[in-house]
């Protein structure tokens, strides 16, 4: 799996949280979030900050038993002027929790996919921060840059989640819908090194699988890693090449079907 080194991931969590906070302040607390239609900026800020504090506590306490997961959530300040400081605190806390000493410590992994728990949570928090940072920037009509290496790592994390035991258990409708009879999809980043920017998906009768690398496929979706990530997370449309610089070669309906049936709960 394409992964960032831990220090790069920790810095990215803090930096993208800062950007998110600035976009939230520019948009205003009552602004609608077009890419998450049920949310306002207030909902988005609360979700991100609470998630970061919640994950930090899991790692800090080295929780291994899912029945012991935290039940109390951090409280969003009522004054929006305090949100940037609150988000900075949550980001610093979770980044510090993901210390080198914690990376391979026994910690519950909600995906159940064999990754050490802290590494799973670090990727999950980074994904939440980056993708919801795009949501906030979009609501504020601001640019949202995502480094290709970060986007590539988050694509790997995204596919790992979709093919994990927990996805099959908790999102069985999605997991069953993306089964197939051997249909293949190739996702190809055009702005990363070859060994970090290619993902091959196969839809088998027993479940979808993925592996790094490039192969001939029924459909190949190629473009900048940022655009691929935001398309996979349903922030950008698949077929708007002007907006995404993405090309689709092969069975477009197959790629669209994948996107239509792989939403995460927080999408």
Protein backbone atom coordinates (compact mmCIF):
# COMPACT_ATOMS: atom_id res chain seq x y z
CA UNK A 1 0.00 0.00 0.00
CA UNK A 2 1.16 3.52 -0.78
CA UNK A 3 1.82 5.18 2.57
CA UNK A 4 3.32 8.45 3.71
CA UNK A 5 6.06 8.34 6.26
CA UNK A 6 4.71 9.19 9.68
CA UNK A 7 6.31 12.61 9.98
CA UNK A 8 4.92 13.68 6.62
CA UNK A 9 1.46 12.46 7.62
CA UNK A 10 1.59 14.29 10.96
CA UNK A 11 2.62 17.54 9.29
CA UNK A 12 -0.10 17.13 6.68
CA UNK A 13 -2.81 16.67 9.32
CA UNK A 14 -1.81 19.92 11.00
CA UNK A 15 -1.39 21.85 7.75
CA UNK A 16 -4.63 20.71 6.14
CA UNK A 17 -6.54 21.39 9.36
CA UNK A 18 -5.16 24.93 9.29
CA UNK A 19 -6.35 25.36 5.73
CA UNK A 20 -9.75 23.92 6.59
CA UNK A 21 -10.12 26.35 9.49
CA UNK A 22 -9.25 29.30 7.26
CA UNK A 23 -11.77 28.20 4.64
CA UNK A 24 -14.44 27.72 7.30
CA UNK A 25 -13.84 31.23 8.60
CA UNK A 26 -14.08 32.62 5.06
CA UNK A 27 -17.32 30.76 4.32
CA UNK A 28 -19.06 31.51 7.62
CA UNK A 29 -20.75 29.13 10.08
CA UNK A 30 -24.11 28.99 8.32
CA UNK A 31 -22.76 28.44 4.82
CA UNK A 32 -23.98 25.35 3.00
CA UNK A 33 -21.40 22.76 2.00
CA UNK A 34 -22.25 21.77 -1.59
CA UNK A 35 -20.16 18.60 -1.56
CA UNK A 36 -21.81 17.35 1.65
CA UNK A 37 -25.36 18.63 1.08
CA UNK A 38 -26.73 17.82 4.54
CA UNK A 39 -24.07 19.89 6.31
CA UNK A 40 -23.32 23.50 7.08
CA UNK A 41 -19.82 24.74 7.82
CA UNK A 42 -20.67 24.44 11.52
CA UNK A 43 -21.42 20.72 11.06
CA UNK A 44 -18.20 20.20 9.13
CA UNK A 45 -15.98 21.95 11.68
CA UNK A 46 -17.62 20.06 14.54
CA UNK A 47 -17.20 16.71 12.78
CA UNK A 48 -13.52 17.21 11.97
CA UNK A 49 -12.53 18.53 15.39
CA UNK A 50 -14.51 15.90 17.26
CA UNK A 51 -13.06 13.11 15.11
CA UNK A 52 -9.51 14.28 15.72
CA UNK A 53 -10.00 14.47 19.50
CA UNK A 54 -11.79 11.09 19.53
CA UNK A 55 -9.04 9.34 17.58
CA UNK A 56 -6.34 10.97 19.70
CA UNK A 57 -7.93 9.53 22.84
CA UNK A 58 -8.07 6.04 21.32
CA UNK A 59 -4.36 6.14 20.58
CA UNK A 60 -3.35 7.89 23.80
CA UNK A 61 -5.17 5.25 25.87
CA UNK A 62 -3.92 2.42 23.62
CA UNK A 63 -7.49 1.10 23.35
CA UNK A 64 -7.65 -2.39 21.87
CA UNK A 65 -11.21 -3.37 22.83
CA UNK A 66 -13.88 -1.70 20.65
CA UNK A 67 -16.33 -1.80 23.56
CA UNK A 68 -14.04 0.66 25.33
CA UNK A 69 -14.04 3.31 22.59
CA UNK A 70 -14.64 6.86 23.86
CA UNK A 71 -18.29 7.85 24.23
CA UNK A 72 -17.81 11.53 25.03
CA UNK A 73 -17.18 13.90 22.16
CA UNK A 74 -15.29 17.19 22.30
CA UNK A 75 -17.56 20.23 22.43
CA UNK A 76 -17.43 22.75 19.60
CA UNK A 77 -17.03 26.32 20.93
CA UNK A 78 -20.19 28.33 20.43
CA UNK A 79 -18.23 31.35 19.19
CA UNK A 80 -16.99 30.75 15.61
CA UNK A 81 -14.07 33.06 16.33
CA UNK A 82 -12.69 30.32 18.56
CA UNK A 83 -12.91 27.58 15.96
CA UNK A 84 -9.48 28.05 14.42
CA UNK A 85 -7.78 27.66 17.79
CA UNK A 86 -10.01 24.67 18.62
CA UNK A 87 -9.15 22.94 15.36
CA UNK A 88 -5.47 23.71 15.78
CA UNK A 89 -5.60 22.06 19.19
CA UNK A 90 -7.37 18.94 17.88
CA UNK A 91 -4.94 18.59 14.99
CA UNK A 92 -1.87 18.99 17.20
CA UNK A 93 -3.31 16.51 19.70
CA UNK A 94 -3.94 13.74 17.17
CA UNK A 95 -0.61 14.36 15.41
CA UNK A 96 1.19 14.08 18.75
CA UNK A 97 -0.76 10.93 19.62
CA UNK A 98 0.55 9.35 16.40
CA UNK A 99 4.10 9.46 17.76
CA UNK A 100 6.77 7.08 16.56
CA UNK A 101 6.35 5.09 19.77
CA UNK A 102 2.64 4.64 19.06
CA UNK A 103 2.86 3.61 15.41
CA UNK A 104 3.10 -0.12 16.01
CA UNK A 105 1.64 -0.24 19.53
CA UNK A 106 -1.46 -2.37 20.16
CA UNK A 107 -4.41 -0.15 19.20
CA UNK A 108 -7.82 -1.09 17.82
CA UNK A 109 -8.06 -0.95 14.01
CA UNK A 110 -11.64 -0.28 12.95
CA UNK A 111 -11.01 -1.59 9.42
CA UNK A 112 -9.90 -5.01 10.68
CA UNK A 113 -7.42 -5.20 7.80
CA UNK A 114 -4.21 -6.04 9.60
CA UNK A 115 -2.66 -2.58 9.70
CA UNK A 116 -1.36 -1.49 13.13
CA UNK A 117 -4.13 0.54 14.72
CA UNK A 118 -2.29 3.85 14.99
CA UNK A 119 -1.26 3.71 11.34
CA UNK A 120 -4.86 3.01 10.35
CA UNK A 121 -6.16 5.95 12.42
CA UNK A 122 -3.45 8.29 11.17
CA UNK A 123 -4.46 7.59 7.56
CA UNK A 124 -8.14 7.89 8.43
CA UNK A 125 -7.71 11.24 10.15
CA UNK A 126 -5.60 12.56 7.31
CA UNK A 127 -8.28 11.47 4.85
CA UNK A 128 -11.01 13.21 6.87
CA UNK A 129 -8.94 16.38 7.13
CA UNK A 130 -7.92 16.57 3.48
CA UNK A 131 -11.27 15.65 1.93
CA UNK A 132 -13.31 17.80 4.29
CA UNK A 133 -10.74 20.53 3.78
CA UNK A 134 -11.71 20.44 0.12
CA UNK A 135 -15.38 20.63 1.17
CA UNK A 136 -14.72 23.75 3.23
CA UNK A 137 -12.64 25.36 0.49
CA UNK A 138 -15.34 24.63 -2.06
CA UNK A 139 -17.95 26.22 0.21
CA UNK A 140 -15.76 29.32 0.53
CA UNK A 141 -14.88 29.37 -3.20
CA UNK A 142 -11.19 28.97 -2.36
CA UNK A 143 -8.53 26.76 -4.01
CA UNK A 144 -7.71 23.45 -2.32
CA UNK A 145 -4.28 22.13 -3.19
CA UNK A 146 -3.43 18.53 -2.34
CA UNK A 147 0.12 17.23 -2.75
CA UNK A 148 0.21 14.28 -5.19
CA UNK A 149 1.97 12.03 -2.66
CA UNK A 150 -0.70 12.74 -0.06
CA UNK A 151 -3.49 12.15 -2.55
CA UNK A 152 -1.90 8.87 -3.66
CA UNK A 153 -1.60 7.62 -0.08
CA UNK A 154 -5.24 8.50 0.57
CA UNK A 155 -6.37 6.66 -2.57
CA UNK A 156 -4.64 3.55 -1.24
CA UNK A 157 -6.32 4.06 2.13
CA UNK A 158 -9.69 4.54 0.41
CA UNK A 159 -9.40 1.28 -1.51
CA UNK A 160 -8.15 -0.54 1.58
CA UNK A 161 -11.29 0.55 3.43
CA UNK A 162 -13.62 -0.52 0.61
CA UNK A 163 -12.11 -4.01 0.54
CA UNK A 164 -11.71 -4.45 4.31
CA UNK A 165 -13.52 -7.01 6.50
CA UNK A 166 -15.26 -4.16 8.33
CA UNK A 167 -16.67 -2.74 5.09
CA UNK A 168 -18.17 -6.14 4.29
CA UNK A 169 -19.62 -6.36 7.79
CA UNK A 170 -20.97 -2.82 8.22
CA UNK A 171 -21.52 -1.76 4.61
CA UNK A 172 -22.61 -5.08 3.15
CA UNK A 173 -24.88 -3.49 0.53
CA UNK A 174 -21.93 -1.62 -0.94
CA UNK A 175 -19.55 -4.58 -0.60
CA UNK A 176 -22.00 -6.90 -2.32
CA UNK A 177 -22.84 -4.44 -5.09
CA UNK A 178 -19.20 -4.02 -6.10
CA UNK A 179 -18.69 -7.76 -6.46
CA UNK A 180 -18.48 -8.93 -10.04
CA UNK A 181 -17.40 -11.61 -12.45
CA UNK A 182 -13.90 -10.39 -13.15
CA UNK A 183 -14.49 -6.80 -14.28
CA UNK A 184 -11.37 -4.67 -13.83
CA UNK A 185 -10.70 -0.99 -13.22
CA UNK A 186 -7.37 0.80 -13.42
CA UNK A 187 -6.87 4.09 -11.57
CA UNK A 188 -3.72 5.83 -12.76
CA UNK A 189 -2.15 9.02 -11.38
CA UNK A 190 -0.29 11.04 -13.97
CA UNK A 191 1.76 13.14 -11.54
CA UNK A 192 3.36 10.59 -9.20
CA UNK A 193 6.13 8.05 -9.46
CA UNK A 194 5.04 4.90 -11.30
CA UNK A 195 5.23 2.72 -8.20
CA UNK A 196 3.00 4.97 -6.09
CA UNK A 197 0.34 6.11 -8.55
CA UNK A 198 -1.37 3.03 -9.98
CA UNK A 199 -4.20 0.99 -8.48
CA UNK A 200 -5.74 -2.07 -10.12
CA UNK A 201 -9.21 -3.16 -8.95
CA UNK A 202 -10.83 -6.50 -9.76
CA UNK A 203 -14.49 -7.21 -9.06
CA UNK A 204 -14.64 -10.90 -8.19
CA UNK A 205 -17.61 -13.06 -7.15
CA UNK A 206 -16.19 -13.27 -3.61
CA UNK A 207 -15.57 -9.53 -3.33
CA UNK A 208 -13.65 -6.65 -4.83
CA UNK A 209 -9.86 -6.64 -4.48
CA UNK A 210 -7.14 -4.16 -5.33
CA UNK A 211 -3.39 -4.13 -5.70
CA UNK A 212 -0.81 -1.52 -6.65
CA UNK A 213 0.40 -1.48 -10.22
CA UNK A 214 -0.81 -0.92 -13.76
CA UNK A 215 -2.44 -3.56 -15.95
CA UNK A 216 -4.79 -3.72 -18.91
CA UNK A 217 -8.31 -3.17 -17.59
CA UNK A 218 -11.89 -2.84 -18.75
CA UNK A 219 -11.69 0.84 -17.89
CA UNK A 220 -8.71 3.06 -17.13
CA UNK A 221 -9.24 6.34 -15.29
CA UNK A 222 -6.15 8.55 -15.48
CA UNK A 223 -5.42 12.01 -14.17
CA UNK A 224 -3.73 13.98 -11.39
CA UNK A 225 -3.74 12.18 -8.04
CA UNK A 226 -5.73 15.04 -6.48
CA UNK A 227 -8.46 14.67 -9.09
CA UNK A 228 -8.55 10.89 -8.72
CA UNK A 229 -8.91 11.18 -4.94
CA UNK A 230 -11.68 13.76 -5.18
CA UNK A 231 -13.47 11.73 -7.84
CA UNK A 232 -13.22 8.52 -5.81
CA UNK A 233 -14.62 10.37 -2.80
CA UNK A 234 -17.38 11.82 -4.98
CA UNK A 235 -16.30 15.45 -4.75
CA UNK A 236 -15.62 15.86 -8.47
CA UNK A 237 -17.51 14.34 -11.41
CA UNK A 238 -15.95 11.51 -13.36
CA UNK A 239 -16.56 12.85 -16.83
CA UNK A 240 -15.91 16.59 -16.51
CA UNK A 241 -12.44 16.66 -18.02
CA UNK A 242 -12.25 20.46 -17.92
CA UNK A 243 -12.70 20.42 -14.13
CA UNK A 244 -10.55 17.38 -13.35
CA UNK A 245 -8.11 16.76 -16.22
CA UNK A 246 -9.20 13.12 -15.98
CA UNK A 247 -9.46 10.83 -19.00
CA UNK A 248 -11.61 7.71 -19.06
CA UNK A 249 -10.73 4.97 -21.52
CA UNK A 250 -12.97 1.93 -21.75
CA UNK A 251 -16.20 1.15 -19.95
CA UNK A 252 -17.19 4.48 -18.38
CA UNK A 253 -20.37 2.95 -16.93
CA UNK A 254 -18.25 0.43 -14.99
CA UNK A 255 -16.23 3.23 -13.38
CA UNK A 256 -19.36 5.26 -12.63
CA UNK A 257 -21.06 2.24 -11.07
CA UNK A 258 -18.05 1.82 -8.77
CA UNK A 259 -18.26 5.46 -7.69
CA UNK A 260 -22.02 5.33 -7.19
CA UNK A 261 -21.74 2.40 -4.79
CA UNK A 262 -18.69 3.20 -2.68
CA UNK A 263 -19.66 6.22 -0.60
CA UNK A 264 -18.29 6.49 2.93
CA UNK A 265 -20.67 7.37 5.78
CA UNK A 266 -19.30 10.89 6.10
CA UNK A 267 -19.59 11.66 2.39
